[in-house]
Amino acid sequence: MSKALTKKPQFIIEGDKPTAVILNIHDYEELLQRVEDAEDLAELRRLRKTTLKFRPFEEFLEEQK
């Protein structure tokens, strides 16, 4: 494992408040994936509350032309 992957996040402080964070790319990509998963789950929960409407596959294909 590279040295960068073992570093903790670095906080940028302006005055006495944190204003930014520096993360290694692996942690950043993992964070993005978690956000995307949370958004997908919220969308799934929203869809489960609605009534599903089905249509013939042929109708869908005609619409795609």
Protein backbone atom coordinates (compact mmCIF):
# COMPACT_ATOMS: atom_id res chain seq x y z
CA MET A 1 0.00 0.00 0.00
CA SER A 2 1.35 3.41 -0.91
CA LYS A 3 2.08 6.05 1.64
CA ALA A 4 -0.71 8.26 0.28
CA LEU A 5 -3.38 5.65 1.05
CA THR A 6 -2.41 5.53 4.70
CA LYS A 7 -2.62 9.31 5.25
CA LYS A 8 -5.51 10.79 7.15
CA PRO A 9 -7.55 13.59 5.61
CA GLN A 10 -5.93 17.01 5.84
CA PHE A 11 -8.16 19.90 6.92
CA ILE A 12 -7.75 23.43 5.63
CA ILE A 13 -8.53 25.93 8.39
CA GLU A 14 -9.42 29.57 7.80
CA GLY A 15 -9.68 31.55 10.97
CA ASP A 16 -10.82 28.90 13.41
CA LYS A 17 -13.17 26.99 11.08
CA PRO A 18 -12.43 24.12 8.68
CA THR A 19 -13.19 25.18 5.08
CA ALA A 20 -11.87 22.28 3.00
CA VAL A 21 -10.54 18.74 3.24
CA ILE A 22 -7.79 17.04 1.24
CA LEU A 23 -8.43 13.31 0.75
CA ASN A 24 -6.47 10.67 -1.08
CA ILE A 25 -8.12 9.67 -4.35
CA HIS A 26 -9.17 6.22 -3.10
CA ASP A 27 -11.10 7.72 -0.19
CA TYR A 28 -12.63 10.37 -2.46
CA GLU A 29 -13.84 7.76 -4.98
CA GLU A 30 -15.26 5.63 -2.17
CA LEU A 31 -17.10 8.65 -0.81
CA LEU A 32 -18.56 9.40 -4.25
CA GLN A 33 -19.72 5.78 -4.57
CA ARG A 34 -21.45 5.95 -1.19
CA VAL A 35 -23.25 9.16 -2.18
CA GLU A 36 -24.37 7.55 -5.44
CA ASP A 37 -25.59 4.46 -3.58
CA ALA A 38 -27.57 6.65 -1.16
CA GLU A 39 -29.15 8.52 -4.07
CA ASP A 40 -30.06 5.23 -5.77
CA LEU A 41 -31.63 3.92 -2.56
CA ALA A 42 -33.67 7.11 -2.13
CA GLU A 43 -34.90 6.82 -5.73
CA LEU A 44 -35.82 3.15 -5.19
CA ARG A 45 -37.79 4.04 -2.06
CA ARG A 46 -39.60 6.79 -3.98
CA LEU A 47 -40.45 4.42 -6.84
CA ARG A 48 -41.78 1.76 -4.47
CA LYS A 49 -44.40 4.25 -3.26
CA THR A 50 -45.76 4.73 -6.79
CA THR A 51 -47.98 2.50 -8.88
CA LEU A 52 -46.08 0.79 -11.65
CA LYS A 53 -47.52 1.00 -15.14
CA PHE A 54 -46.58 -1.58 -17.74
CA ARG A 55 -46.92 -1.39 -21.50
CA PRO A 56 -46.25 -3.78 -24.34
CA PHE A 57 -42.60 -4.14 -25.33
CA GLU A 58 -43.51 -3.45 -28.96
CA GLU A 59 -44.89 -0.05 -27.94
CA PHE A 60 -41.62 0.77 -26.21
CA LEU A 61 -39.64 -0.23 -29.31
CA GLU A 62 -41.80 1.97 -31.55
CA GLU A 63 -41.21 4.91 -29.26
CA GLN A 64 -37.43 4.42 -29.48
CA LYS A 65 -37.39 4.76 -33.28
